[in-house]
Amino acid sequence: MNSIPEIGQTVLNFIDGHWEESSWGKFTERHDPADTAVLVARAPDSSREDAARAIEAASRASEKWRNTPAPARGKILFEWLRWIDKHRDEIAYLLTREEGKILPESKGEVRRAMDILEYTAGMGRRLEGHVYQSEEEDVFCYSRPHPLGVVGLISPWNFPVAIPVWKLAPALVAGNTSVLKPSPLTPLTAAALVRGLEEVGLPRGVVNLVHGDSAPGAELIANELVGGVSFTGSTKVGKIIAEEGSRRLLKLQLELGGKNPQIVLEDADLDRAVAGVVMGGLGSTGQRCTATSRALVEEKVYDEFLTRLVARAKSMKVGPGTADGIEMGPLVDARAMGGVTHWVEAGRNEGARVCAGGGAVKEGGLERGLFFAPTVLEAEQGMEITREEIFGPVVAVLRVRDFEHAIEIANSVRYGLTSTVFTRDVGRVLRFAERAEAGIIHVNRPGVGGFSHVPFGGIKESGYGGREVGSEVMSFYTETKVVYVNYK
């Protein structure tokens, strides 16, 4: 097997250091969303039995890996970082071909994965406990982080490089072994990442890869050998995982959906505010949990903002992510196309006005792709499209009276991932940061992304069980063990 899978290749599961087919021999096919006639990859449609064997392999490898000194675990991650850097352009190309985002975005995602990996690998020398003052004579009390054992990592298709890395890296440096279950829509990038770990000498069984749909994930939730599961995906599926995991008090980390607002106040720099919505809401074809799907614009600048946003959306060049000059790629698959189409039609039926886009793009050589035009809807509070996650290039623009009205609408949904404001008033910035019901606050910048050493995650129905990225992530991948020593 080459270091990097090739387009059209069949990739395999990686269990206990071996690449193999599913036990029942079934495969799924993945086609290029920019040209659905092109086969991108075949991957095993794995069973629960495949996942169980991977879990058992991880369990067998657990004690030796846990006892490997943390700095040595970190050094392997630094070797993985160098491997990814060597293959960064190839990985970005695979990402674009199987997921669809434009190549500059794919390269940016690989860069972000590398930055997170660099920070996390260094934690091999920063896994610290505490020494506590004793209440008794001749007793020494201290704590230390202790790995969970085997962890299940369920990653989505929309960031198929960055998210597996930001799950695998802290899991491994903390001393856990793992089973990675990627989305069936992005098998190539997952196989490439795991191949990198194999090539840099990660011991057998420490990381296992099981492709497939829901069956392997169900086994990760139910299997008693699994000490924790980190999942990124929809709130609907996250709730199912939480319900099933609660039956055995499984430790969970769930990074879920969003319905993220950008507030534009009357004193905002409108050029920057429009660019913020374009990048936040239409970048990555709107297919991210942090997508800016609501623009809440103060009355005095509403008409001017809407005019500029509509013009910008109409000017965006849509096409295959590998082509030069393209600003937005396709949706990931036919199911996504159906979902986005449904929500736009629902908006129309509720009285929303389509100001730009509103449907599939099927001309200009794009007939075989899953392209949807950048869409701007003029909407009113209470419409379903202002409450529910769309996961596509659709932004609902709403008129608000003032700052207080904007905060009220921004906080009115069940999600709480990101919230953004554009204003020059420092007082309103601070009030917004205090009152916005979201885990990530942005001011005068797009409401997506984040720094590679800073915690990532949401509140309300956007997150459960702790943050990802940064030092806080270790609170999920470890338990605190406290030791009392009577040395008299």
Protein backbone atom coordinates (compact mmCIF):
# COMPACT_ATOMS: atom_id res chain seq x y z
CA MET A 1 0.00 0.00 0.00
CA ASN A 2 1.37 3.44 -0.97
CA SER A 3 1.70 6.11 1.68
CA ILE A 4 -1.14 8.11 0.18
CA PRO A 5 -4.17 6.34 -1.35
CA GLU A 6 -4.93 7.14 -4.96
CA ILE A 7 -8.20 8.31 -6.45
CA GLY A 8 -10.37 5.28 -7.27
CA GLN A 9 -8.49 3.00 -4.89
CA THR A 10 -10.05 0.50 -2.50
CA VAL A 11 -8.98 1.29 1.05
CA LEU A 12 -9.21 -1.17 3.93
CA ASN A 13 -9.72 -1.35 7.65
CA PHE A 14 -6.61 -1.24 9.83
CA ILE A 15 -6.91 -3.63 12.78
CA ASP A 16 -4.09 -4.75 15.04
CA GLY A 17 -1.48 -3.52 12.58
CA HIS A 18 -2.99 -5.19 9.49
CA TRP A 19 -4.95 -3.79 6.53
CA GLU A 20 -7.97 -5.98 5.87
CA GLU A 21 -11.46 -6.19 4.42
CA SER A 22 -14.62 -6.30 6.47
CA SER A 23 -15.52 -9.69 7.90
CA TRP A 24 -18.62 -9.84 5.72
CA GLY A 25 -16.89 -8.59 2.55
CA LYS A 26 -19.18 -5.64 1.86
CA PHE A 27 -17.97 -2.36 0.38
CA THR A 28 -19.40 1.11 -0.18
CA GLU A 29 -18.49 3.37 -3.08
CA ARG A 30 -17.69 7.06 -2.80
CA HIS A 31 -18.04 9.32 -5.84
CA ASP A 32 -16.61 12.76 -6.49
CA PRO A 33 -19.28 15.32 -5.50
CA ALA A 34 -18.00 17.63 -8.26
CA ASP A 35 -18.57 14.86 -10.84
CA THR A 36 -20.65 11.99 -9.53
CA ALA A 37 -19.68 9.82 -12.49
CA VAL A 38 -16.16 9.53 -11.07
CA LEU A 39 -15.46 6.85 -8.46
CA VAL A 40 -13.20 8.29 -5.77
CA ALA A 41 -12.89 5.31 -3.44
CA ARG A 42 -14.24 2.01 -2.23
CA ALA A 43 -14.15 1.21 1.47
CA PRO A 44 -15.41 -1.59 3.72
CA ASP A 45 -18.96 -1.35 4.96
CA SER A 46 -17.91 -2.82 8.27
CA SER A 47 -19.93 -4.77 10.81
CA ARG A 48 -20.12 -4.57 14.58
CA GLU A 49 -17.90 -7.66 14.62
CA ASP A 50 -15.18 -5.75 12.79
CA ALA A 51 -15.41 -2.95 15.33
CA ALA A 52 -15.33 -5.46 18.19
CA ARG A 53 -12.09 -6.99 16.87
CA ALA A 54 -10.57 -3.53 16.58
CA ILE A 55 -11.61 -2.74 20.16
CA GLU A 56 -10.06 -5.99 21.37
CA ALA A 57 -6.83 -5.16 19.54
CA ALA A 58 -6.77 -1.73 21.17
CA SER A 59 -7.43 -3.31 24.55
CA ARG A 60 -4.49 -5.70 24.15
CA ALA A 61 -2.19 -2.81 23.26
CA SER A 62 -3.45 -0.58 26.07
CA GLU A 63 -1.17 -1.52 28.97
CA LYS A 64 2.09 -1.23 27.03
CA TRP A 65 1.09 2.08 25.47
CA ARG A 66 -0.09 3.50 28.81
CA ASN A 67 3.26 2.59 30.35
CA THR A 68 5.22 4.22 27.52
CA PRO A 69 6.56 7.52 28.92
CA ALA A 70 4.42 10.46 27.84
CA PRO A 71 7.37 12.33 26.24
CA ALA A 72 8.03 9.24 24.09
CA ARG A 73 4.37 9.18 23.05
CA GLY A 74 4.70 12.84 22.13
CA LYS A 75 7.77 12.15 20.01
CA ILE A 76 5.80 9.71 17.86
CA LEU A 77 3.22 12.44 17.31
CA PHE A 78 5.97 14.83 16.24
CA GLU A 79 7.08 12.19 13.72
CA TRP A 80 3.48 12.00 12.48
CA LEU A 81 3.49 15.79 12.13
CA ARG A 82 6.58 15.62 9.92
CA TRP A 83 4.94 12.85 7.85
CA ILE A 84 1.80 14.94 7.30
CA ASP A 85 3.93 17.96 6.37
CA LYS A 86 5.76 15.86 3.77
CA HIS A 87 2.45 14.74 2.21
CA ARG A 88 0.40 17.88 2.86
CA ASP A 89 -0.38 18.70 -0.78
CA GLU A 90 -1.38 15.12 -1.60
CA ILE A 91 -3.66 14.96 1.45
CA ALA A 92 -5.29 18.28 0.54
CA TYR A 93 -5.95 17.03 -2.98
CA LEU A 94 -7.60 13.84 -1.68
CA LEU A 95 -9.70 15.94 0.69
CA THR A 96 -11.00 18.11 -2.13
CA ARG A 97 -11.78 15.18 -4.41
CA GLU A 98 -13.73 13.16 -1.84
CA GLU A 99 -15.33 15.94 0.28
CA GLY A 100 -15.63 18.72 -2.28
CA LYS A 101 -14.28 21.85 -0.61
CA ILE A 102 -12.06 24.08 -2.71
CA LEU A 103 -8.36 23.31 -2.70
CA PRO A 104 -7.29 26.45 -0.78
CA GLU A 105 -9.70 25.47 2.00
CA SER A 106 -8.37 21.91 1.99
CA LYS A 107 -4.81 23.18 2.29
CA GLY A 108 -5.92 25.42 5.14
CA GLU A 109 -7.50 22.44 6.88
CA VAL A 110 -4.31 20.39 6.62
CA ARG A 111 -2.37 23.35 8.00
CA ARG A 112 -4.79 23.62 10.94
CA ALA A 113 -4.45 19.89 11.62
CA MET A 114 -0.68 20.26 11.69
CA ASP A 115 -0.85 23.24 14.05
CA ILE A 116 -3.11 21.34 16.45
CA LEU A 117 -0.87 18.29 16.24
CA GLU A 118 2.23 20.37 16.96
CA TYR A 119 0.64 21.84 20.08
CA THR A 120 -0.77 18.54 21.30
CA ALA A 121 2.40 16.53 20.73
CA GLY A 122 4.19 18.89 23.09
CA MET A 123 1.74 17.95 25.83
CA GLY A 124 3.75 14.77 26.28
CA ARG A 125 5.93 16.95 28.53
CA ARG A 126 3.05 18.86 30.10
CA LEU A 127 0.81 16.10 31.50
CA GLU A 128 0.93 17.32 35.06
CA GLY A 129 -0.75 16.46 38.32
CA HIS A 130 -0.85 18.39 41.60
CA VAL A 131 0.66 18.08 45.04
CA TYR A 132 -1.77 18.93 47.83
CA GLN A 133 -1.13 20.09 51.37
CA SER A 134 -1.91 17.33 53.83
CA GLU A 135 -4.44 17.53 56.66
CA GLU A 136 -2.51 14.85 58.54
CA GLU A 137 1.08 14.44 59.59
CA ASP A 138 3.28 12.11 57.56
CA VAL A 139 0.83 11.86 54.66
CA PHE A 140 1.82 12.87 51.14
CA CYS A 141 -1.09 13.61 48.75
CA TYR A 142 -0.84 14.07 45.01
CA SER A 143 -2.83 13.58 41.82
CA ARG A 144 -1.94 12.50 38.30
CA PRO A 145 -3.81 12.16 35.00
CA HIS A 146 -4.66 8.58 34.09
CA PRO A 147 -5.75 7.43 30.59
CA LEU A 148 -9.22 6.01 29.99
CA GLY A 149 -7.88 2.94 28.19
CA VAL A 150 -9.63 2.35 24.86
CA VAL A 151 -11.42 5.30 23.28
CA GLY A 152 -13.75 5.39 20.30
CA LEU A 153 -13.32 8.34 17.92
CA ILE A 154 -16.19 9.01 15.53
CA SER A 155 -15.32 11.75 13.04
CA PRO A 156 -17.44 13.54 10.40
CA TRP A 157 -16.97 14.10 6.69
CA ASN A 158 -16.81 17.91 6.64
CA PHE A 159 -13.33 18.21 8.23
CA PRO A 160 -11.91 14.74 7.53
CA VAL A 161 -8.30 15.69 8.28
CA ALA A 162 -8.46 18.25 11.08
CA ILE A 163 -11.03 16.51 13.27
CA PRO A 164 -9.48 13.00 13.26
CA VAL A 165 -6.15 14.63 14.12
CA TRP A 166 -7.58 16.69 16.94
CA LYS A 167 -9.16 13.55 18.39
CA LEU A 168 -6.30 11.12 17.82
CA ALA A 169 -3.51 13.40 19.04
CA PRO A 170 -4.79 14.05 22.60
CA ALA A 171 -6.06 10.49 22.93
CA LEU A 172 -2.62 9.10 22.10
CA VAL A 173 -0.50 11.55 24.07
CA ALA A 174 -2.66 10.86 27.13
CA GLY A 175 -1.86 7.15 26.87
CA ASN A 176 -5.09 5.83 25.37
CA THR A 177 -5.41 3.36 22.52
CA SER A 178 -8.16 4.01 20.01
CA VAL A 179 -10.54 2.93 17.29
CA LEU A 180 -11.19 5.60 14.67
CA LYS A 181 -14.52 5.38 12.84
CA PRO A 182 -14.53 8.00 10.06
CA SER A 183 -17.48 9.01 7.90
CA PRO A 184 -18.14 6.62 5.01
CA LEU A 185 -18.01 9.70 2.77
CA THR A 186 -14.31 10.37 3.43
CA PRO A 187 -12.41 7.07 3.60
CA LEU A 188 -9.32 8.18 1.67
CA THR A 189 -8.16 10.88 4.05
CA ALA A 190 -8.76 8.63 7.06
CA ALA A 191 -6.70 5.84 5.50
CA ALA A 192 -3.92 8.29 4.64
CA LEU A 193 -3.70 9.60 8.22
CA VAL A 194 -3.58 6.13 9.73
CA ARG A 195 -1.03 5.02 7.13
CA GLY A 196 1.13 7.86 8.38
CA LEU A 197 0.94 6.59 11.95
CA GLU A 198 1.87 3.13 10.75
CA GLU A 199 4.88 4.46 8.83
CA VAL A 200 6.27 6.44 11.77
CA GLY A 201 6.26 3.32 13.93
CA LEU A 202 3.20 3.53 16.13
CA PRO A 203 2.94 0.13 17.88
CA ARG A 204 0.39 -2.42 16.66
CA GLY A 205 -3.11 -2.04 18.03
CA VAL A 206 -2.63 1.48 19.41
CA VAL A 207 -4.69 3.00 16.58
CA ASN A 208 -7.23 0.99 14.63
CA LEU A 209 -9.34 2.17 11.70
CA VAL A 210 -12.81 0.79 10.96
CA HIS A 211 -14.76 2.15 7.99
CA GLY A 212 -18.51 1.93 7.74
CA ASP A 213 -21.80 3.53 8.62
CA SER A 214 -23.68 3.20 11.90
CA ALA A 215 -22.84 -0.43 12.85
CA PRO A 216 -19.21 0.16 13.97
CA GLY A 217 -20.29 3.25 15.87
CA ALA A 218 -22.98 1.31 17.71
CA GLU A 219 -20.37 -1.20 18.82
CA LEU A 220 -18.11 1.57 20.12
CA ILE A 221 -20.96 2.86 22.27
CA ALA A 222 -22.00 -0.54 23.60
CA ASN A 223 -18.71 -2.39 24.06
CA GLU A 224 -17.63 -2.56 27.71
CA LEU A 225 -13.94 -2.39 26.75
CA VAL A 226 -14.41 1.19 25.51
CA GLY A 227 -13.84 3.77 28.23
CA GLY A 228 -14.89 6.88 26.30
CA VAL A 229 -16.27 8.03 22.97
CA SER A 230 -15.62 11.35 21.23
CA PHE A 231 -18.16 12.14 18.52
CA THR A 232 -18.51 15.06 16.10
CA GLY A 233 -21.71 15.23 14.08
CA SER A 234 -25.36 16.16 14.20
CA THR A 235 -27.25 16.93 17.38
CA LYS A 236 -29.81 14.28 16.42
CA VAL A 237 -27.21 11.51 16.37
CA GLY A 238 -25.44 12.95 19.40
CA LYS A 239 -28.60 12.60 21.46
CA ILE A 240 -28.91 8.96 20.42
CA ILE A 241 -25.30 8.35 21.49
CA ALA A 242 -25.90 10.10 24.81
CA GLU A 243 -28.99 8.00 25.46
CA GLU A 244 -27.28 4.72 24.60
CA GLY A 245 -24.05 5.61 26.39
CA SER A 246 -25.88 6.57 29.57
CA ARG A 247 -26.97 2.95 30.00
CA ARG A 248 -23.42 2.13 31.08
CA LEU A 249 -22.32 5.62 32.19
CA LEU A 250 -19.96 5.90 29.23
CA LYS A 251 -17.76 8.99 29.25
CA LEU A 252 -18.75 11.10 26.24
CA GLN A 253 -17.53 14.15 24.37
CA LEU A 254 -20.08 15.35 21.80
CA GLU A 255 -19.45 18.25 19.41
CA LEU A 256 -22.75 18.88 17.69
CA GLY A 257 -24.71 21.29 15.51
CA GLY A 258 -25.15 25.04 15.38
CA LYS A 259 -27.40 27.84 14.18
CA ASN A 260 -24.87 30.57 14.47
CA PRO A 261 -25.69 34.30 14.30
CA GLN A 262 -23.67 37.27 13.12
CA ILE A 263 -24.95 40.57 14.47
CA VAL A 264 -24.26 43.66 12.37
CA LEU A 265 -24.80 46.91 14.28
CA GLU A 266 -25.22 50.37 12.77
CA ASP A 267 -21.60 51.39 13.43
CA ALA A 268 -20.11 48.27 11.82
CA ASP A 269 -17.62 48.29 8.98
CA LEU A 270 -20.03 46.92 6.36
CA ASP A 271 -17.35 45.64 4.01
CA ARG A 272 -15.85 43.56 6.81
CA ALA A 273 -19.30 42.47 7.98
CA VAL A 274 -20.30 41.26 4.53
CA ALA A 275 -16.99 39.45 4.15
CA GLY A 276 -17.62 37.84 7.54
CA VAL A 277 -20.96 36.41 6.43
CA VAL A 278 -19.55 35.25 3.09
CA MET A 279 -16.66 33.42 4.72
CA GLY A 280 -18.67 32.23 7.71
CA GLY A 281 -21.86 31.25 5.92
CA LEU A 282 -20.83 30.35 2.38
CA GLY A 283 -17.24 29.19 2.90
CA SER A 284 -16.83 25.40 2.88
CA THR A 285 -20.20 25.42 1.06
CA GLY A 286 -21.79 26.20 4.44
CA GLN A 287 -21.07 22.63 5.55
CA ARG A 288 -19.68 23.21 9.02
CA CYS A 289 -21.16 23.32 12.48
CA THR A 290 -19.80 26.84 12.96
CA ALA A 291 -21.39 28.17 9.76
CA THR A 292 -22.90 31.65 10.01
CA SER A 293 -26.46 30.84 8.99
CA ARG A 294 -28.17 33.96 10.42
CA ALA A 295 -27.26 37.61 9.80
CA LEU A 296 -29.03 39.87 12.29
CA VAL A 297 -28.73 43.41 10.93
CA GLU A 298 -29.70 46.65 12.62
CA GLU A 299 -32.38 48.65 10.77
CA LYS A 300 -30.26 51.69 9.92
CA VAL A 301 -27.81 49.64 7.84
CA TYR A 302 -30.06 46.74 6.88
CA ASP A 303 -30.81 47.72 3.26
CA GLU A 304 -27.21 48.61 2.45
CA PHE A 305 -25.87 45.43 4.05
CA LEU A 306 -28.38 43.23 2.23
CA THR A 307 -27.59 44.88 -1.11
CA ARG A 308 -23.87 44.29 -0.68
CA LEU A 309 -24.29 40.71 0.54
CA VAL A 310 -26.59 39.76 -2.33
CA ALA A 311 -24.20 41.23 -4.90
CA ARG A 312 -21.29 39.34 -3.39
CA ALA A 313 -23.21 36.04 -3.25
CA LYS A 314 -24.27 36.37 -6.89
CA SER A 315 -20.68 37.04 -7.96
CA MET A 316 -19.21 33.94 -6.33
CA LYS A 317 -17.73 31.43 -8.76
CA VAL A 318 -19.01 27.90 -8.11
CA GLY A 319 -17.31 24.81 -9.46
CA PRO A 320 -14.96 21.87 -8.83
CA GLY A 321 -12.66 22.53 -5.91
CA THR A 322 -9.55 21.64 -7.90
CA ALA A 323 -10.16 24.32 -10.55
CA ASP A 324 -8.48 27.73 -10.40
CA GLY A 325 -10.49 30.72 -9.22
CA ILE A 326 -13.32 28.71 -7.69
CA GLU A 327 -14.80 30.22 -4.51
CA MET A 328 -17.27 27.50 -3.54
CA GLY A 329 -17.35 23.79 -4.26
CA PRO A 330 -20.19 21.24 -4.30
CA LEU A 331 -22.32 19.81 -1.54
CA VAL A 332 -21.01 16.53 -0.21
CA ASP A 333 -23.65 14.13 -1.59
CA ALA A 334 -27.17 13.79 -2.95
CA ARG A 335 -28.62 13.58 0.56
CA ALA A 336 -27.09 16.96 1.39
CA MET A 337 -28.48 18.38 -1.85
CA GLY A 338 -31.93 17.13 -0.93
CA GLY A 339 -31.69 18.57 2.56
CA VAL A 340 -30.60 22.05 1.46
CA THR A 341 -33.25 22.10 -1.27
CA HIS A 342 -35.88 21.15 1.31
CA TRP A 343 -34.93 23.99 3.65
CA VAL A 344 -34.94 26.62 0.92
CA GLU A 345 -38.37 25.48 -0.23
CA ALA A 346 -39.58 25.49 3.37
CA GLY A 347 -38.36 29.06 3.66
CA ARG A 348 -40.21 30.05 0.51
CA ASN A 349 -43.38 28.44 1.84
CA GLU A 350 -43.05 30.42 5.07
CA GLY A 351 -42.73 33.68 3.14
CA ALA A 352 -38.97 34.15 3.02
CA ARG A 353 -37.72 36.08 -0.01
CA VAL A 354 -34.95 34.50 -2.06
CA CYS A 355 -32.54 37.33 -2.84
CA ALA A 356 -29.72 35.25 -4.34
CA GLY A 357 -29.35 31.64 -5.39
CA GLY A 358 -32.05 29.33 -4.17
CA GLY A 359 -31.39 26.21 -6.18
CA ALA A 360 -29.00 23.75 -7.77
CA VAL A 361 -26.49 24.86 -10.42
CA LYS A 362 -26.69 22.61 -13.47
CA GLU A 363 -25.11 24.60 -16.28
CA GLY A 364 -21.63 25.61 -17.37
CA GLY A 365 -20.24 22.10 -17.26
CA LEU A 366 -21.51 21.45 -13.72
CA GLU A 367 -24.35 19.13 -14.73
CA ARG A 368 -22.84 16.01 -13.12
CA GLY A 369 -21.94 17.70 -9.85
CA LEU A 370 -23.81 18.50 -6.65
CA PHE A 371 -23.59 22.28 -6.86
CA PHE A 372 -25.95 24.63 -5.05
CA ALA A 373 -25.89 28.36 -5.64
CA PRO A 374 -24.81 30.66 -2.77
CA THR A 375 -28.16 31.57 -1.28
CA VAL A 376 -29.36 34.61 0.64
CA LEU A 377 -32.87 34.62 2.11
CA GLU A 378 -34.63 37.61 3.62
CA ALA A 379 -36.44 36.06 6.57
CA GLU A 380 -38.35 36.87 9.73
CA GLN A 381 -37.88 35.60 13.25
CA GLY A 382 -39.96 32.50 13.95
CA MET A 383 -39.53 30.91 10.53
CA GLU A 384 -38.16 27.39 10.70
CA ILE A 385 -35.17 28.35 8.57
CA THR A 386 -34.12 30.78 11.33
CA ARG A 387 -34.15 28.02 13.96
CA GLU A 388 -32.89 24.80 12.37
CA GLU A 389 -29.45 23.88 11.06
CA ILE A 390 -29.35 23.75 7.23
CA PHE A 391 -25.71 22.68 6.65
CA GLY A 392 -25.41 24.28 3.25
CA PRO A 393 -24.63 27.63 1.59
CA VAL A 394 -27.75 29.38 2.87
CA VAL A 395 -27.80 32.55 4.97
CA ALA A 396 -31.02 33.98 6.44
CA VAL A 397 -30.90 37.77 6.89
CA LEU A 398 -33.14 39.27 9.58
CA ARG A 399 -33.86 42.91 10.42
CA VAL A 400 -33.39 43.86 14.10
CA ARG A 401 -34.36 47.07 15.90
CA ASP A 402 -31.29 47.52 18.08
CA PHE A 403 -28.60 45.74 20.09
CA GLU A 404 -31.03 44.35 22.67
CA HIS A 405 -33.30 42.94 19.98
CA ALA A 406 -30.30 41.36 18.25
CA ILE A 407 -29.13 39.63 21.44
CA GLU A 408 -32.65 38.33 22.07
CA ILE A 409 -32.89 36.78 18.60
CA ALA A 410 -29.32 35.49 18.63
CA ASN A 411 -29.99 33.56 21.84
CA SER A 412 -33.45 32.31 20.83
CA VAL A 413 -32.36 28.98 19.31
CA ARG A 414 -31.51 25.66 20.99
CA TYR A 415 -27.93 25.78 19.77
CA GLY A 416 -24.98 27.65 21.23
CA LEU A 417 -21.77 27.08 19.28
CA THR A 418 -20.59 30.44 17.93
CA SER A 419 -21.93 33.97 18.05
CA THR A 420 -20.46 36.98 16.25
CA VAL A 421 -20.83 40.77 16.37
CA PHE A 422 -19.53 43.55 14.14
CA THR A 423 -19.36 46.92 15.91
CA ARG A 424 -16.90 49.68 16.83
CA ASP A 425 -18.45 50.20 20.29
CA VAL A 426 -16.25 48.56 22.94
CA GLY A 427 -19.05 48.69 25.49
CA ARG A 428 -21.37 46.70 23.27
CA VAL A 429 -18.52 44.28 22.51
CA LEU A 430 -18.13 43.52 26.21
CA ARG A 431 -21.88 43.27 26.82
CA PHE A 432 -22.20 40.95 23.83
CA ALA A 433 -19.37 38.72 25.02
CA GLU A 434 -21.03 38.46 28.43
CA ARG A 435 -24.59 37.81 27.25
CA ALA A 436 -24.22 35.78 24.04
CA GLU A 437 -25.21 32.16 24.68
CA ALA A 438 -22.41 30.42 22.82
CA GLY A 439 -19.19 28.64 23.55
CA ILE A 440 -17.17 30.70 21.04
CA ILE A 441 -17.51 34.46 20.61
CA HIS A 442 -16.12 36.39 17.63
CA VAL A 443 -15.89 40.18 17.35
CA ASN A 444 -15.26 41.91 14.01
CA ARG A 445 -14.07 38.66 12.43
CA PRO A 446 -15.81 35.72 10.72
CA GLY A 447 -17.60 33.39 13.11
CA VAL A 448 -15.66 30.29 12.09
CA GLY A 449 -12.37 28.71 12.95
CA GLY A 450 -10.25 29.30 16.02
CA PHE A 451 -6.70 29.08 17.22
CA SER A 452 -5.00 25.71 17.38
CA HIS A 453 -4.23 25.88 21.11
CA VAL A 454 -7.58 27.29 22.26
CA PRO A 455 -10.57 25.20 23.43
CA PHE A 456 -13.29 24.56 20.83
CA GLY A 457 -16.92 23.68 21.53
CA GLY A 458 -20.40 24.89 22.34
CA ILE A 459 -23.15 25.02 24.95
CA LYS A 460 -26.84 24.15 24.93
CA GLU A 461 -27.48 21.56 22.19
CA SER A 462 -24.17 22.30 20.45
CA GLY A 463 -21.91 20.49 22.87
CA TYR A 464 -21.75 17.99 25.69
CA GLY A 465 -18.97 16.51 27.78
CA GLY A 466 -16.13 19.00 27.47
CA ARG A 467 -14.15 20.95 24.90
CA GLU A 468 -11.92 19.78 22.08
CA VAL A 469 -8.49 21.25 21.20
CA GLY A 470 -6.17 23.08 23.59
CA SER A 471 -5.24 21.92 27.06
CA GLU A 472 -8.85 21.49 28.24
CA VAL A 473 -9.27 18.52 25.92
CA MET A 474 -7.17 16.42 28.28
CA SER A 475 -9.95 16.50 30.87
CA PHE A 476 -11.88 14.19 28.55
CA TYR A 477 -9.07 11.82 27.60
CA THR A 478 -7.87 11.35 31.19
CA GLU A 479 -9.27 10.69 34.63
CA THR A 480 -7.77 12.24 37.75
CA LYS A 481 -6.21 9.68 40.07
CA VAL A 482 -5.52 10.87 43.64
CA VAL A 483 -2.91 9.13 45.79
CA TYR A 484 -2.48 9.34 49.60
CA VAL A 485 0.82 8.00 50.99
CA ASN A 486 1.43 7.48 54.70
CA TYR A 487 5.22 7.51 54.86
CA LYS A 488 5.65 7.23 58.62
